[in-house]
Amino acid sequence: MVLFVSPTVLAVNDALLLAGSVDAILLVVDAESADRHEVRRAKEQLEPIGTPVIGAVLNQFDPKIHGRTNRPYIGYNLDSHR
């Protein structure tokens, strides 16, 4: 397995160019600076390329700031918020 790291999807086109050359995409989202709309917009920009977005990693998540739930995975499906 080879992992490629690209610049932010919303900042430059480099990520979109690289996305067409890989088998799958894993979004890395900064919980402190990204909001739901930005994440959705990034995913929407990647969809026309046709490379599957297989999931997301949430960095900098602090349950004391962002809250927590007894059902930790509910609501994290990017497609469920359309």
N, C-alpha and C. Protein backbone atom coordinates (compact mmCIF):
# COMPACT_ATOMS: atom_id res chain seq x y z
N MET A 1 0.85 -1.17 0.00
CA MET A 1 0.00 0.00 0.00
C MET A 1 0.90 1.23 0.00
N VAL A 2 0.56 2.16 -0.85
CA VAL A 2 1.29 3.43 -0.93
C VAL A 2 0.30 4.55 -0.65
N LEU A 3 0.66 5.44 0.25
CA LEU A 3 -0.20 6.58 0.59
C LEU A 3 0.40 7.85 0.00
N PHE A 4 -0.43 8.64 -0.62
CA PHE A 4 -0.03 9.94 -1.13
C PHE A 4 -0.70 11.00 -0.29
N VAL A 5 0.04 12.03 0.07
CA VAL A 5 -0.51 13.14 0.83
C VAL A 5 -0.53 14.33 -0.11
N SER A 6 -1.68 15.00 -0.17
CA SER A 6 -1.80 16.14 -1.07
C SER A 6 -2.17 17.38 -0.27
N PRO A 7 -2.04 18.54 -0.91
CA PRO A 7 -2.51 19.77 -0.26
C PRO A 7 -4.03 19.71 -0.09
N THR A 8 -4.56 20.66 0.62
CA THR A 8 -5.99 20.76 0.87
C THR A 8 -6.77 20.82 -0.43
N VAL A 9 -7.82 20.04 -0.52
CA VAL A 9 -8.64 19.98 -1.74
C VAL A 9 -9.21 21.35 -2.09
N LEU A 10 -9.66 22.09 -1.11
CA LEU A 10 -10.31 23.37 -1.38
C LEU A 10 -9.32 24.49 -1.67
N ALA A 11 -8.04 24.29 -1.39
CA ALA A 11 -7.05 25.35 -1.56
C ALA A 11 -6.42 25.36 -2.96
N VAL A 12 -6.07 24.20 -3.48
CA VAL A 12 -5.37 24.13 -4.77
C VAL A 12 -5.88 22.95 -5.57
N ASN A 13 -5.59 22.92 -6.86
CA ASN A 13 -6.05 21.84 -7.73
C ASN A 13 -5.15 20.61 -7.70
N ASP A 14 -4.02 20.66 -7.01
CA ASP A 14 -3.08 19.53 -6.97
C ASP A 14 -3.77 18.26 -6.47
N ALA A 15 -4.60 18.40 -5.45
CA ALA A 15 -5.29 17.24 -4.89
C ALA A 15 -6.23 16.61 -5.91
N LEU A 16 -6.90 17.43 -6.70
CA LEU A 16 -7.82 16.91 -7.71
C LEU A 16 -7.06 16.18 -8.82
N LEU A 17 -5.89 16.69 -9.19
CA LEU A 17 -5.08 16.02 -10.20
C LEU A 17 -4.58 14.67 -9.68
N LEU A 18 -4.14 14.64 -8.45
CA LEU A 18 -3.64 13.40 -7.86
C LEU A 18 -4.79 12.39 -7.67
N ALA A 19 -5.97 12.87 -7.36
CA ALA A 19 -7.11 11.99 -7.09
C ALA A 19 -7.44 11.11 -8.29
N GLY A 20 -7.19 11.58 -9.49
CA GLY A 20 -7.46 10.79 -10.67
C GLY A 20 -6.47 9.67 -10.91
N SER A 21 -5.39 9.66 -10.15
CA SER A 21 -4.32 8.66 -10.34
C SER A 21 -4.25 7.62 -9.24
N VAL A 22 -5.16 7.66 -8.29
CA VAL A 22 -5.12 6.73 -7.16
C VAL A 22 -6.36 5.84 -7.16
N ASP A 23 -6.33 4.78 -6.36
CA ASP A 23 -7.43 3.82 -6.29
C ASP A 23 -8.55 4.26 -5.36
N ALA A 24 -8.23 5.06 -4.34
CA ALA A 24 -9.24 5.49 -3.37
C ALA A 24 -8.74 6.74 -2.66
N ILE A 25 -9.67 7.44 -2.03
CA ILE A 25 -9.37 8.69 -1.33
C ILE A 25 -9.83 8.57 0.12
N LEU A 26 -8.97 8.98 1.04
CA LEU A 26 -9.30 9.08 2.46
C LEU A 26 -9.15 10.54 2.84
N LEU A 27 -10.25 11.20 3.17
CA LEU A 27 -10.20 12.61 3.56
C LEU A 27 -9.66 12.73 4.98
N VAL A 28 -8.80 13.71 5.19
CA VAL A 28 -8.34 14.03 6.54
C VAL A 28 -8.89 15.42 6.86
N VAL A 29 -9.66 15.49 7.95
CA VAL A 29 -10.39 16.71 8.29
C VAL A 29 -9.91 17.20 9.65
N ASP A 30 -9.59 18.50 9.74
CA ASP A 30 -9.19 19.11 11.00
C ASP A 30 -10.45 19.57 11.73
N ALA A 31 -10.75 18.96 12.85
CA ALA A 31 -11.97 19.26 13.61
C ALA A 31 -12.00 20.69 14.11
N GLU A 32 -10.83 21.30 14.31
CA GLU A 32 -10.79 22.65 14.84
C GLU A 32 -11.01 23.73 13.79
N SER A 33 -10.74 23.43 12.52
CA SER A 33 -10.85 24.49 11.52
C SER A 33 -11.87 24.21 10.42
N ALA A 34 -12.21 22.97 10.15
CA ALA A 34 -13.15 22.66 9.07
C ALA A 34 -14.57 22.56 9.61
N ASP A 35 -15.52 23.01 8.81
CA ASP A 35 -16.90 22.80 9.19
C ASP A 35 -17.55 21.80 8.22
N ARG A 36 -18.74 21.37 8.54
CA ARG A 36 -19.44 20.35 7.77
C ARG A 36 -19.61 20.75 6.31
N HIS A 37 -19.87 22.03 6.07
CA HIS A 37 -20.09 22.49 4.70
C HIS A 37 -18.80 22.41 3.87
N GLU A 38 -17.67 22.72 4.48
CA GLU A 38 -16.39 22.62 3.77
C GLU A 38 -16.06 21.17 3.44
N VAL A 39 -16.33 20.27 4.36
CA VAL A 39 -16.06 18.85 4.13
C VAL A 39 -16.96 18.35 3.00
N ARG A 40 -18.21 18.71 3.03
CA ARG A 40 -19.14 18.31 1.98
C ARG A 40 -18.70 18.87 0.62
N ARG A 41 -18.26 20.14 0.60
CA ARG A 41 -17.81 20.76 -0.65
C ARG A 41 -16.56 20.06 -1.19
N ALA A 42 -15.64 19.68 -0.31
CA ALA A 42 -14.44 18.95 -0.74
C ALA A 42 -14.83 17.61 -1.36
N LYS A 43 -15.75 16.91 -0.72
CA LYS A 43 -16.20 15.62 -1.24
C LYS A 43 -16.88 15.80 -2.59
N GLU A 44 -17.69 16.84 -2.73
CA GLU A 44 -18.38 17.10 -3.99
C GLU A 44 -17.41 17.44 -5.11
N GLN A 45 -16.30 18.10 -4.79
CA GLN A 45 -15.29 18.39 -5.80
C GLN A 45 -14.58 17.13 -6.26
N LEU A 46 -14.46 16.14 -5.38
CA LEU A 46 -13.77 14.90 -5.72
C LEU A 46 -14.67 13.92 -6.48
N GLU A 47 -15.97 13.98 -6.27
CA GLU A 47 -16.90 13.01 -6.87
C GLU A 47 -16.82 12.91 -8.40
N PRO A 48 -16.75 14.03 -9.15
CA PRO A 48 -16.72 13.91 -10.62
C PRO A 48 -15.49 13.17 -11.15
N ILE A 49 -14.45 13.08 -10.38
CA ILE A 49 -13.24 12.39 -10.81
C ILE A 49 -13.48 10.89 -10.88
N GLY A 50 -14.38 10.40 -10.03
CA GLY A 50 -14.74 8.98 -10.06
C GLY A 50 -13.96 8.10 -9.12
N THR A 51 -12.97 8.62 -8.45
CA THR A 51 -12.23 7.84 -7.47
C THR A 51 -13.04 7.79 -6.18
N PRO A 52 -13.29 6.59 -5.64
CA PRO A 52 -14.14 6.50 -4.45
C PRO A 52 -13.52 7.14 -3.21
N VAL A 53 -14.34 7.87 -2.48
CA VAL A 53 -13.94 8.40 -1.17
C VAL A 53 -14.33 7.32 -0.16
N ILE A 54 -13.32 6.68 0.43
CA ILE A 54 -13.58 5.51 1.27
C ILE A 54 -13.79 5.85 2.74
N GLY A 55 -13.57 7.10 3.12
CA GLY A 55 -13.79 7.47 4.51
C GLY A 55 -13.10 8.78 4.85
N ALA A 56 -13.09 9.08 6.13
CA ALA A 56 -12.49 10.32 6.61
C ALA A 56 -11.82 10.07 7.96
N VAL A 57 -10.77 10.83 8.21
CA VAL A 57 -10.08 10.82 9.50
C VAL A 57 -10.30 12.20 10.10
N LEU A 58 -10.74 12.24 11.35
CA LEU A 58 -11.00 13.50 12.03
C LEU A 58 -9.85 13.79 12.99
N ASN A 59 -9.00 14.74 12.61
CA ASN A 59 -7.86 15.14 13.44
C ASN A 59 -8.25 16.24 14.41
N GLN A 60 -7.52 16.36 15.48
CA GLN A 60 -7.69 17.44 16.46
C GLN A 60 -9.07 17.43 17.12
N PHE A 61 -9.70 16.26 17.21
CA PHE A 61 -11.02 16.17 17.84
C PHE A 61 -10.86 16.12 19.34
N ASP A 62 -11.54 17.03 20.03
CA ASP A 62 -11.52 17.07 21.49
C ASP A 62 -12.97 16.96 21.98
N PRO A 63 -13.33 15.83 22.60
CA PRO A 63 -14.72 15.67 23.05
C PRO A 63 -15.17 16.75 24.03
N LYS A 64 -14.24 17.37 24.74
CA LYS A 64 -14.62 18.44 25.68
C LYS A 64 -15.09 19.68 24.92
N ILE A 65 -14.56 19.90 23.73
CA ILE A 65 -14.93 21.06 22.93
C ILE A 65 -16.07 20.72 21.98
N HIS A 66 -15.95 19.60 21.28
CA HIS A 66 -16.89 19.25 20.22
C HIS A 66 -18.05 18.39 20.69
N GLY A 67 -18.04 18.01 21.93
CA GLY A 67 -19.10 17.16 22.46
C GLY A 67 -18.82 15.70 22.19
N ARG A 68 -19.59 14.85 22.81
CA ARG A 68 -19.45 13.41 22.58
C ARG A 68 -20.82 12.78 22.66
N THR A 69 -20.89 11.57 22.20
CA THR A 69 -22.17 10.87 22.16
C THR A 69 -21.96 9.44 22.62
N ASN A 70 -23.01 8.82 23.09
CA ASN A 70 -22.92 7.42 23.46
C ASN A 70 -22.87 6.52 22.23
N ARG A 71 -23.19 7.09 21.07
CA ARG A 71 -23.14 6.36 19.81
C ARG A 71 -22.09 7.05 18.94
N PRO A 72 -20.80 6.72 19.12
CA PRO A 72 -19.72 7.52 18.54
C PRO A 72 -19.67 7.59 17.03
N TYR A 73 -20.28 6.66 16.31
CA TYR A 73 -20.17 6.69 14.85
C TYR A 73 -21.42 7.22 14.17
N ILE A 74 -22.42 7.59 14.91
CA ILE A 74 -23.66 8.10 14.31
C ILE A 74 -23.38 9.49 13.72
N GLY A 75 -23.85 9.72 12.53
CA GLY A 75 -23.73 11.05 11.93
C GLY A 75 -22.44 11.33 11.21
N TYR A 76 -21.52 10.38 11.13
CA TYR A 76 -20.25 10.64 10.46
C TYR A 76 -20.26 10.23 9.00
N ASN A 77 -21.37 9.70 8.50
CA ASN A 77 -21.49 9.34 7.10
C ASN A 77 -21.68 10.63 6.30
N LEU A 78 -20.73 10.96 5.42
CA LEU A 78 -20.79 12.20 4.67
C LEU A 78 -22.02 12.26 3.76
N ASP A 79 -22.51 11.12 3.33
CA ASP A 79 -23.66 11.10 2.42
C ASP A 79 -24.98 11.31 3.15
N SER A 80 -25.01 11.11 4.46
CA SER A 80 -26.28 11.18 5.19
C SER A 80 -26.72 12.62 5.46
N HIS A 81 -25.87 13.61 5.17
CA HIS A 81 -26.20 15.00 5.49
C HIS A 81 -26.56 15.80 4.26
N ARG A 82 -27.01 15.16 3.21
CA ARG A 82 -27.36 15.90 1.99
C ARG A 82 -28.75 16.42 2.05
